Amino acid sequence: MLLIGNGKVITRDKDHPFWENGAVVTDGEVIREVGALSDMKAKYPAAEFVDAKGGIIMPGLINAHTHIYSGLARGLAIEGNNPTNFFEVLDGTWWAIDRKLTLDGTRASAYATILDCIRDGVTTIFDHHASFCEIPGSLFAIRDVAKELGIRSCLCYEVSERDGEEKCDQAIRENAEFARWAAKEQDDMIAAMFGGHALFTISDKTFAKMVEANDGLTGFHIHVAEGMNDVYDSLRNYGTRPVNRLLNNGILGEKTLLGHCIHVNPAEMDIIKETGTMVVNNPESNMGNAVGCSPVLQMMAKGITVGMGTDAYTHDMLESLKVFLIIQRHNACLPNVAWGEDMTMLFENNRKIAAKYFRKPLGILKEGAAADVIVMDYKPFTPFSDENIDGHMLFGMMGKNCRTTIINGKVLYKDREFVSIDEEKINAWTMEQSKKLWGALNHRVY
């Protein structure tokens, strides 16, 4: 049993959102109680004390869309790659990387990504993987690293025809085998979705194969209308828009998650809403790829559940929180929009998305919720109360403020040091794998 206390507690529980000097008590994998520090100490005298040292105690953060396979790309320049449009970004950078990514490269990418997530207070990830060099076993390799390091993960593989039918079929099998494993294990730390790349790389024939292989096991996680490529391809080759194609092919539904949705029109939004399908926005990635601003405000006005991800542009969810507000206000030419939607996406809708795949409530500190708790170093120099939590979060905190991360009741990162994780050993091995990948991409030794 742990007692995390000596700090301000943000619960994200509407019944009791804030404790000025509070504590969270965990019992195994769940939260036993949240309350005033003095009360919790008196009630649970034998609990191990985790000192927040005057910081902010809050729920672990959820990233609803990321890409582990980009984990070894930091600092990489691929010779001759100077993309001028979104397709060239994909083909010249990300597809080039995943075409060289071995199973060891996948493992190294998982180590790099997950360690950064834990450091930034992210306790749950929804990953969308691609490693067309070696597909079979790749999701299971990520699963093993996720289990070793202790992060909660929902995994899928990116089905695409971009490298031919054999690779496409391998990707479908990898999704199906992993989904069957997850359904059998019922592990509340590891879940499965059925992944697909952008629609312009998937034919209706492949969609039919995906639906058959999935056989109702899980929902789909797919990129939609991130660039205009999807729109043009759907109109030219199928006579309809991307979301209509997904509807026609049986992809939409209450457990399906659509990434990006930048170039969707109001009629498509209505389809998303009526089918109960979820959407995830990735503001920094969209800006970096120069693909546009997703109409999140319009989608949320229609009642669509829109969550927040990073697309692996960063692992810092609070950084994405800041950028979402800026891009939406810039796009709307209004300085007074998007605040409420911003907070709803990260702290309510990501929780709703996670609830589709994990049994215990995530993203909230209350009795019975998962024991995923983080402590942030943040010493306010202005009044801090339940009335202005979001303002402090938005303008004062970053992922790098995280000093302690607890996932599933286990202290993984304490006072900025990993617990029972040999970071130096992992980093050394990961460095060797990154050198191999970079060498394969640029035909030289690093």
Protein backbone atom coordinates (compact mmCIF):
# COMPACT_ATOMS: atom_id res chain seq x y z
CA MET A 1 0.00 0.00 0.00
CA LEU A 2 1.25 3.47 -0.94
CA LEU A 3 0.31 6.85 0.47
CA ILE A 4 1.26 9.63 -1.94
CA GLY A 5 0.97 12.90 -0.06
CA ASN A 6 2.34 16.27 1.02
CA GLY A 7 1.09 18.17 -2.01
CA LYS A 8 -1.95 19.64 -3.72
CA VAL A 9 -4.15 16.91 -5.24
CA ILE A 10 -5.91 17.38 -8.59
CA THR A 11 -8.31 14.45 -8.93
CA ARG A 12 -10.25 15.23 -12.16
CA ASP A 13 -13.17 13.83 -10.17
CA LYS A 14 -16.11 16.27 -10.34
CA ASP A 15 -17.35 15.19 -6.91
CA HIS A 16 -14.14 16.38 -5.26
CA PRO A 17 -11.74 17.95 -7.78
CA PHE A 18 -9.11 19.36 -5.41
CA TRP A 19 -7.43 18.86 -2.05
CA GLU A 20 -5.20 21.69 -0.83
CA ASN A 21 -3.06 19.33 1.26
CA GLY A 22 -4.15 15.91 0.19
CA ALA A 23 -3.07 12.35 -0.33
CA VAL A 24 -3.84 9.37 -2.56
CA VAL A 25 -3.79 5.90 -1.06
CA THR A 26 -3.24 2.96 -3.42
CA ASP A 27 -3.78 -0.69 -2.62
CA GLY A 28 -2.21 -2.93 -5.22
CA GLU A 29 -3.45 -1.96 -8.68
CA VAL A 30 -6.24 0.38 -7.55
CA ILE A 31 -6.79 3.54 -5.58
CA ARG A 32 -8.18 2.86 -2.12
CA GLU A 33 -9.00 6.42 -1.08
CA VAL A 34 -8.29 10.11 -1.71
CA GLY A 35 -8.52 12.69 1.03
CA ALA A 36 -6.81 15.12 3.37
CA LEU A 37 -3.23 14.13 4.20
CA SER A 38 -3.83 14.12 7.95
CA ASP A 39 -6.87 11.86 7.59
CA MET A 40 -5.11 9.42 5.25
CA LYS A 41 -2.05 9.16 7.49
CA ALA A 42 -4.23 8.42 10.49
CA LYS A 43 -6.30 5.87 8.62
CA TYR A 44 -3.39 4.07 6.88
CA PRO A 45 -0.41 4.30 9.24
CA ALA A 46 1.34 1.28 7.72
CA ALA A 47 1.25 2.55 4.13
CA GLU A 48 4.57 3.36 2.43
CA PHE A 49 4.83 7.15 2.20
CA VAL A 50 5.70 8.71 -1.17
CA ASP A 51 6.58 12.35 -0.51
CA ALA A 52 5.26 14.79 -3.12
CA LYS A 53 7.46 17.48 -1.52
CA GLY A 54 4.88 20.20 -1.94
CA GLY A 55 4.21 19.41 -5.60
CA ILE A 56 1.05 18.55 -7.53
CA ILE A 57 -0.40 15.05 -7.25
CA MET A 58 -2.58 14.18 -10.24
CA PRO A 59 -3.75 11.31 -12.46
CA GLY A 60 -1.34 9.78 -14.92
CA LEU A 61 -1.71 11.18 -18.44
CA ILE A 62 -3.06 9.27 -21.46
CA ASN A 63 -1.67 9.59 -24.99
CA ALA A 64 -4.40 8.45 -27.38
CA HIS A 65 -2.21 8.24 -30.50
CA THR A 66 1.53 7.76 -30.84
CA HIS A 67 4.06 5.85 -32.96
CA ILE A 68 6.72 3.83 -31.18
CA TYR A 69 8.40 3.09 -34.51
CA SER A 70 9.67 6.68 -34.70
CA GLY A 71 11.54 6.27 -31.41
CA LEU A 72 15.02 6.20 -32.99
CA ALA A 73 14.46 9.17 -35.30
CA ARG A 74 15.56 11.90 -32.89
CA GLY A 75 18.41 13.85 -34.52
CA LEU A 76 18.26 11.75 -37.71
CA ALA A 77 18.77 13.29 -41.13
CA ILE A 78 18.23 11.00 -44.12
CA GLU A 79 20.52 12.01 -46.93
CA GLY A 80 18.66 13.38 -49.95
CA ASN A 81 15.38 13.68 -48.05
CA ASN A 82 13.92 17.19 -48.40
CA PRO A 83 10.12 16.75 -48.38
CA THR A 84 7.95 19.46 -49.90
CA ASN A 85 4.55 17.82 -49.29
CA PHE A 86 2.89 15.34 -46.97
CA PHE A 87 3.40 12.30 -49.20
CA GLU A 88 7.13 13.06 -49.40
CA VAL A 89 7.23 13.31 -45.60
CA LEU A 90 5.71 9.85 -45.35
CA ASP A 91 7.71 8.18 -48.10
CA GLY A 92 11.03 9.90 -47.52
CA THR A 93 11.07 9.81 -43.73
CA TRP A 94 8.65 7.52 -41.90
CA TRP A 95 8.22 4.77 -44.48
CA ALA A 96 11.97 4.82 -45.09
CA ILE A 97 12.54 4.26 -41.37
CA ASP A 98 10.00 1.47 -40.92
CA ARG A 99 11.31 -0.34 -44.02
CA LYS A 100 14.63 -0.73 -42.18
CA LEU A 101 13.22 -1.42 -38.71
CA THR A 102 14.08 -4.91 -37.49
CA LEU A 103 12.55 -6.60 -34.46
CA ASP A 104 15.49 -5.40 -32.38
CA GLY A 105 14.97 -1.92 -33.81
CA THR A 106 11.31 -2.15 -32.78
CA ARG A 107 12.31 -3.17 -29.25
CA ALA A 108 14.80 -0.30 -29.04
CA SER A 109 12.15 2.15 -30.28
CA ALA A 110 9.79 0.87 -27.60
CA TYR A 111 12.40 1.32 -24.87
CA ALA A 112 13.18 4.87 -25.99
CA THR A 113 9.53 5.89 -26.29
CA ILE A 114 8.32 4.32 -23.06
CA LEU A 115 11.12 5.70 -20.91
CA ASP A 116 10.36 9.18 -22.23
CA CYS A 117 6.65 8.69 -21.56
CA ILE A 118 7.26 7.65 -17.97
CA ARG A 119 9.54 10.67 -17.47
CA ASP A 120 6.78 12.95 -18.80
CA GLY A 121 4.04 11.50 -16.60
CA VAL A 122 2.33 9.50 -19.37
CA THR A 123 1.00 6.27 -17.91
CA THR A 124 -1.11 4.95 -20.82
CA ILE A 125 -0.34 4.93 -24.56
CA PHE A 126 -2.31 3.99 -27.66
CA ASP A 127 0.37 3.01 -30.15
CA HIS A 128 0.13 2.56 -33.92
CA HIS A 129 3.14 0.55 -35.07
CA ALA A 130 4.86 -0.03 -38.42
CA SER A 131 8.03 -2.00 -39.15
CA PHE A 132 7.71 -3.30 -42.68
CA CYS A 133 11.24 -4.72 -42.53
CA GLU A 134 10.09 -7.32 -39.97
CA ILE A 135 6.36 -7.50 -39.31
CA PRO A 136 5.64 -10.88 -37.65
CA GLY A 137 6.09 -10.70 -33.90
CA SER A 138 6.53 -6.93 -33.78
CA LEU A 139 3.48 -6.23 -31.59
CA PHE A 140 4.53 -8.99 -29.24
CA ALA A 141 8.02 -7.45 -29.06
CA ILE A 142 6.50 -4.12 -28.03
CA ARG A 143 4.25 -5.91 -25.56
CA ASP A 144 7.28 -7.46 -23.88
CA VAL A 145 9.02 -4.10 -23.49
CA ALA A 146 5.82 -2.47 -22.23
CA LYS A 147 5.43 -5.23 -19.64
CA GLU A 148 9.09 -5.00 -18.61
CA LEU A 149 8.96 -1.23 -18.10
CA GLY A 150 5.42 -1.24 -16.71
CA ILE A 151 3.44 1.14 -18.93
CA ARG A 152 -0.22 0.57 -19.82
CA SER A 153 -0.50 0.08 -23.60
CA CYS A 154 -3.04 -0.47 -26.36
CA LEU A 155 -1.23 -1.72 -29.47
CA CYS A 156 -1.98 -2.23 -33.16
CA TYR A 157 -0.13 -2.67 -36.45
CA GLU A 158 -0.43 -0.35 -39.45
CA VAL A 159 -2.00 -2.26 -42.36
CA SER A 160 -1.00 -0.77 -45.71
CA GLU A 161 -0.58 -1.86 -49.32
CA ARG A 162 2.35 0.50 -49.85
CA ASP A 163 4.90 -2.34 -49.89
CA GLY A 164 2.84 -4.95 -51.69
CA GLU A 165 0.27 -7.65 -50.94
CA GLU A 166 2.56 -9.99 -48.99
CA LYS A 167 3.56 -7.31 -46.47
CA CYS A 168 -0.06 -6.14 -46.28
CA ASP A 169 -1.25 -9.65 -45.45
CA GLN A 170 1.50 -10.03 -42.84
CA ALA A 171 0.29 -6.83 -41.17
CA ILE A 172 -3.29 -8.11 -41.10
CA ARG A 173 -2.15 -11.38 -39.52
CA GLU A 174 -0.05 -9.56 -36.91
CA ASN A 175 -3.07 -7.49 -35.86
CA ALA A 176 -5.33 -10.54 -35.75
CA GLU A 177 -2.89 -12.71 -33.78
CA PHE A 178 -2.26 -9.97 -31.25
CA ALA A 179 -5.98 -9.18 -30.91
CA ARG A 180 -6.69 -12.86 -30.26
CA TRP A 181 -3.92 -12.97 -27.64
CA ALA A 182 -5.29 -9.85 -25.92
CA ALA A 183 -8.85 -11.21 -25.94
CA LYS A 184 -7.66 -14.45 -24.34
CA GLU A 185 -5.38 -12.85 -21.73
CA GLN A 186 -7.73 -10.06 -20.60
CA ASP A 187 -4.68 -8.22 -19.24
CA ASP A 188 -5.69 -4.77 -18.00
CA MET A 189 -2.21 -3.50 -18.81
CA ILE A 190 -2.07 -4.58 -22.48
CA ALA A 191 -4.91 -4.20 -24.98
CA ALA A 192 -5.25 -4.47 -28.75
CA MET A 193 -6.79 -2.55 -31.62
CA PHE A 194 -6.70 -3.33 -35.35
CA GLY A 195 -4.52 -0.77 -37.13
CA GLY A 196 -4.68 0.72 -40.60
CA HIS A 197 -2.65 3.38 -42.34
CA ALA A 198 -4.21 6.16 -44.43
CA LEU A 199 -7.06 5.24 -46.74
CA PHE A 200 -5.07 6.08 -49.86
CA THR A 201 -2.85 3.07 -49.07
CA ILE A 202 -5.75 0.66 -48.41
CA SER A 203 -8.15 -0.72 -51.02
CA ASP A 204 -11.67 -1.96 -50.36
CA LYS A 205 -10.33 -5.49 -50.89
CA THR A 206 -7.91 -4.98 -48.00
CA PHE A 207 -10.60 -3.46 -45.81
CA ALA A 208 -12.64 -6.62 -46.36
CA LYS A 209 -9.66 -8.73 -45.30
CA MET A 210 -9.19 -6.58 -42.19
CA VAL A 211 -12.83 -6.89 -41.13
CA GLU A 212 -12.78 -10.65 -41.68
CA ALA A 213 -9.53 -11.13 -39.76
CA ASN A 214 -10.68 -8.92 -36.90
CA ASP A 215 -13.96 -10.83 -36.63
CA GLY A 216 -15.37 -8.35 -34.14
CA LEU A 217 -12.51 -8.80 -31.66
CA THR A 218 -11.71 -5.13 -31.29
CA GLY A 219 -12.02 -1.66 -32.78
CA PHE A 220 -9.99 -0.16 -35.58
CA HIS A 221 -7.31 2.51 -35.18
CA ILE A 222 -6.75 4.24 -38.50
CA HIS A 223 -5.43 7.49 -39.99
CA VAL A 224 -8.17 9.46 -41.72
CA ALA A 225 -7.96 12.57 -43.93
CA GLU A 226 -4.66 13.65 -42.42
CA GLY A 227 -3.67 14.97 -45.83
CA MET A 228 -5.71 15.65 -48.94
CA ASN A 229 -4.31 12.39 -50.37
CA ASP A 230 -7.14 10.50 -48.68
CA VAL A 231 -9.80 12.82 -50.03
CA TYR A 232 -8.53 12.78 -53.62
CA ASP A 233 -7.99 9.02 -53.64
CA SER A 234 -11.45 8.27 -52.21
CA LEU A 235 -13.21 10.59 -54.65
CA ARG A 236 -11.28 9.51 -57.73
CA ASN A 237 -11.24 5.77 -57.13
CA TYR A 238 -14.33 5.11 -55.02
CA GLY A 239 -16.66 8.01 -55.80
CA THR A 240 -17.07 8.96 -52.17
CA ARG A 241 -15.30 10.73 -49.32
CA PRO A 242 -13.00 8.98 -46.78
CA VAL A 243 -15.44 8.65 -43.88
CA ASN A 244 -18.13 7.29 -46.24
CA ARG A 245 -15.61 4.67 -47.41
CA LEU A 246 -15.00 3.61 -43.83
CA LEU A 247 -18.74 3.38 -43.23
CA ASN A 248 -19.26 1.34 -46.38
CA ASN A 249 -16.48 -1.06 -45.36
CA GLY A 250 -17.68 -1.66 -41.81
CA ILE A 251 -14.77 0.09 -40.09
CA LEU A 252 -16.65 2.66 -38.01
CA GLY A 253 -18.14 1.99 -34.57
CA GLU A 254 -17.98 2.75 -30.87
CA LYS A 255 -14.56 1.17 -30.37
CA THR A 256 -12.95 2.62 -33.50
CA LEU A 257 -10.51 5.51 -33.25
CA LEU A 258 -9.86 7.82 -36.22
CA GLY A 259 -6.55 9.66 -36.19
CA HIS A 260 -6.36 13.29 -37.37
CA CYS A 261 -9.58 13.88 -39.38
CA ILE A 262 -8.33 17.22 -40.68
CA HIS A 263 -10.08 17.26 -44.05
CA VAL A 264 -13.52 16.01 -43.08
CA ASN A 265 -16.70 17.88 -43.95
CA PRO A 266 -19.88 18.34 -41.85
CA ALA A 267 -21.62 15.37 -43.45
CA GLU A 268 -18.69 13.13 -42.54
CA MET A 269 -18.76 14.49 -39.01
CA ASP A 270 -22.42 13.47 -38.79
CA ILE A 271 -21.50 9.92 -39.80
CA ILE A 272 -18.75 9.81 -37.17
CA LYS A 273 -21.21 11.03 -34.55
CA GLU A 274 -24.06 8.67 -35.51
CA THR A 275 -21.78 5.62 -35.46
CA GLY A 276 -20.29 6.55 -32.07
CA THR A 277 -16.81 6.55 -33.58
CA MET A 278 -14.03 8.37 -31.71
CA VAL A 279 -11.42 10.81 -33.07
CA VAL A 280 -7.95 11.74 -31.84
CA ASN A 281 -6.27 15.06 -32.65
CA ASN A 282 -2.49 15.53 -32.84
CA PRO A 283 -1.93 19.30 -33.04
CA GLU A 284 1.87 19.54 -33.13
CA SER A 285 2.27 16.81 -35.73
CA ASN A 286 -0.36 18.43 -37.95
CA MET A 287 1.48 21.75 -37.80
CA GLY A 288 4.85 20.11 -38.38
CA ASN A 289 3.59 18.26 -41.46
CA ALA A 290 1.81 21.39 -42.72
CA VAL A 291 -1.38 19.42 -43.34
CA GLY A 292 -3.84 21.81 -41.71
CA CYS A 293 -5.90 22.36 -38.59
CA SER A 294 -8.44 19.73 -37.65
CA PRO A 295 -12.01 21.06 -37.17
CA VAL A 296 -12.06 19.83 -33.59
CA LEU A 297 -14.31 22.60 -32.31
CA GLN A 298 -16.96 21.73 -34.90
CA MET A 299 -16.66 18.00 -34.19
CA MET A 300 -17.03 18.49 -30.47
CA ALA A 301 -19.99 20.82 -31.00
CA LYS A 302 -21.66 17.87 -32.75
CA GLY A 303 -20.97 15.66 -29.73
CA ILE A 304 -18.10 13.62 -31.16
CA THR A 305 -15.61 12.25 -28.63
CA VAL A 306 -12.32 13.83 -29.67
CA GLY A 307 -9.23 12.89 -27.67
CA MET A 308 -5.65 14.12 -27.73
CA GLY A 309 -2.54 12.39 -28.99
CA THR A 310 0.93 13.39 -30.07
CA ASP A 311 1.58 11.28 -33.20
CA ALA A 312 5.01 10.86 -31.51
CA TYR A 313 5.94 14.46 -32.33
CA THR A 314 6.45 14.70 -28.57
CA HIS A 315 5.70 12.50 -25.58
CA ASP A 316 4.64 15.49 -23.49
CA MET A 317 0.86 15.69 -23.31
CA LEU A 318 0.94 19.07 -21.58
CA GLU A 319 2.96 20.44 -24.48
CA SER A 320 0.22 19.25 -26.82
CA LEU A 321 -2.36 20.87 -24.54
CA LYS A 322 -0.65 24.22 -25.08
CA VAL A 323 -0.26 23.85 -28.82
CA PHE A 324 -3.87 22.78 -29.39
CA LEU A 325 -5.12 26.05 -27.92
CA ILE A 326 -2.78 28.11 -30.11
CA ILE A 327 -3.53 26.41 -33.44
CA GLN A 328 -7.29 26.43 -32.89
CA ARG A 329 -7.34 30.12 -31.97
CA HIS A 330 -5.07 30.98 -34.87
CA ASN A 331 -7.27 29.02 -37.26
CA ALA A 332 -10.51 30.55 -35.93
CA CYS A 333 -9.02 34.07 -35.77
CA LEU A 334 -10.51 34.27 -32.28
CA PRO A 335 -8.55 34.60 -29.02
CA ASN A 336 -11.36 33.27 -26.83
CA VAL A 337 -12.04 29.76 -28.15
CA ALA A 338 -10.82 26.21 -27.52
CA TRP A 339 -10.01 26.43 -23.79
CA GLY A 340 -12.84 24.18 -22.67
CA GLU A 341 -12.39 21.77 -25.55
CA ASP A 342 -8.66 21.56 -24.82
CA MET A 343 -9.17 20.43 -21.24
CA THR A 344 -12.05 18.14 -22.17
CA MET A 345 -9.95 16.34 -24.77
CA LEU A 346 -7.02 15.51 -22.53
CA PHE A 347 -8.69 15.03 -19.18
CA GLU A 348 -12.16 13.68 -20.07
CA ASN A 349 -12.23 12.30 -23.60
CA ASN A 350 -8.91 10.45 -23.38
CA ARG A 351 -10.38 8.81 -20.31
CA LYS A 352 -13.49 7.83 -22.32
CA ILE A 353 -11.32 6.39 -25.09
CA ALA A 354 -9.29 4.40 -22.59
CA ALA A 355 -12.49 3.07 -20.99
CA LYS A 356 -13.23 1.23 -24.23
CA TYR A 357 -10.09 -0.86 -23.79
CA PHE A 358 -9.19 -1.00 -20.10
CA ARG A 359 -11.46 -2.18 -17.29
CA LYS A 360 -10.31 0.08 -14.47
CA PRO A 361 -11.06 3.82 -14.78
CA LEU A 362 -7.99 5.76 -15.94
CA GLY A 363 -7.13 9.44 -15.82
CA ILE A 364 -8.90 10.06 -12.51
CA LEU A 365 -8.05 9.83 -8.82
CA LYS A 366 -10.91 8.20 -6.97
CA GLU A 367 -11.72 4.98 -5.18
CA GLY A 368 -11.54 1.98 -7.51
CA ALA A 369 -9.66 3.76 -10.30
CA ALA A 370 -6.35 2.44 -11.58
CA ALA A 371 -3.40 3.31 -9.37
CA ASP A 372 -1.80 5.52 -12.05
CA VAL A 373 -0.54 8.61 -10.22
CA ILE A 374 2.06 11.26 -11.03
CA VAL A 375 3.68 14.00 -8.99
CA MET A 376 4.64 17.27 -10.67
CA ASP A 377 7.24 19.73 -9.40
CA TYR A 378 5.31 22.96 -9.52
CA LYS A 379 5.58 25.75 -7.01
CA PRO A 380 2.96 28.38 -7.89
CA PHE A 381 3.77 32.05 -7.35
CA THR A 382 0.14 33.06 -7.88
CA PRO A 383 -3.00 31.79 -6.08
CA PHE A 384 -3.73 28.13 -6.86
CA SER A 385 -7.15 26.63 -6.17
CA ASP A 386 -9.87 24.46 -7.65
CA GLU A 387 -11.04 27.55 -9.56
CA ASN A 388 -7.91 27.96 -11.68
CA ILE A 389 -6.33 24.50 -11.94
CA ASP A 390 -6.58 24.51 -15.74
CA GLY A 391 -4.89 27.90 -16.05
CA HIS A 392 -1.93 26.69 -14.03
CA MET A 393 -1.86 23.46 -16.03
CA LEU A 394 -1.92 25.25 -19.36
CA PHE A 395 0.52 28.05 -18.67
CA GLY A 396 2.68 26.69 -15.88
CA MET A 397 3.28 22.96 -16.25
CA MET A 398 5.17 20.77 -18.71
CA GLY A 399 5.83 17.06 -18.81
CA LYS A 400 9.36 17.75 -17.62
CA ASN A 401 7.87 18.90 -14.30
CA CYS A 402 7.14 15.24 -13.54
CA ARG A 403 9.20 14.00 -10.59
CA THR A 404 7.41 10.73 -9.76
CA THR A 405 5.38 8.27 -11.86
CA ILE A 406 3.35 5.40 -10.45
CA ILE A 407 1.62 2.97 -12.81
CA ASN A 408 -0.64 0.13 -11.71
CA GLY A 409 0.43 0.73 -8.13
CA LYS A 410 4.17 0.41 -8.86
CA VAL A 411 6.61 3.27 -8.40
CA LEU A 412 8.52 3.36 -11.69
CA TYR A 413 10.09 6.80 -11.46
CA LYS A 414 10.77 8.52 -8.15
CA ASP A 415 12.35 11.91 -7.56
CA ARG A 416 13.51 11.93 -11.21
CA GLU A 417 15.22 8.55 -11.02
CA PHE A 418 13.97 5.28 -12.50
CA VAL A 419 13.20 2.56 -9.96
CA SER A 420 14.33 -1.01 -10.79
CA ILE A 421 14.99 0.04 -14.40
CA ASP A 422 18.60 0.08 -15.62
CA GLU A 423 18.37 3.20 -17.75
CA GLU A 424 22.07 3.28 -18.64
CA LYS A 425 22.07 -0.33 -19.86
CA ILE A 426 18.90 0.23 -21.90
CA ASN A 427 20.25 3.46 -23.40
CA ALA A 428 23.54 1.80 -24.40
CA TRP A 429 21.75 -1.03 -26.20
CA THR A 430 19.28 1.36 -27.81
CA MET A 431 22.19 3.49 -29.06
CA GLU A 432 23.64 0.46 -30.85
CA GLN A 433 20.33 -0.28 -32.51
CA SER A 434 19.89 3.33 -33.60
CA LYS A 435 23.36 3.32 -35.17
CA LYS A 436 22.41 0.20 -37.14
CA LEU A 437 19.19 1.84 -38.33
CA TRP A 438 20.86 5.12 -39.26
CA GLY A 439 23.63 3.23 -41.05
CA ALA A 440 21.09 1.25 -43.08
CA LEU A 441 19.27 4.46 -44.05
CA ASN A 442 22.35 6.47 -45.02
CA HIS A 443 24.69 3.65 -46.12
CA ARG A 444 27.47 4.57 -43.70
CA VAL A 445 28.78 3.70 -40.26
CA TYR A 446 27.85 5.81 -37.24
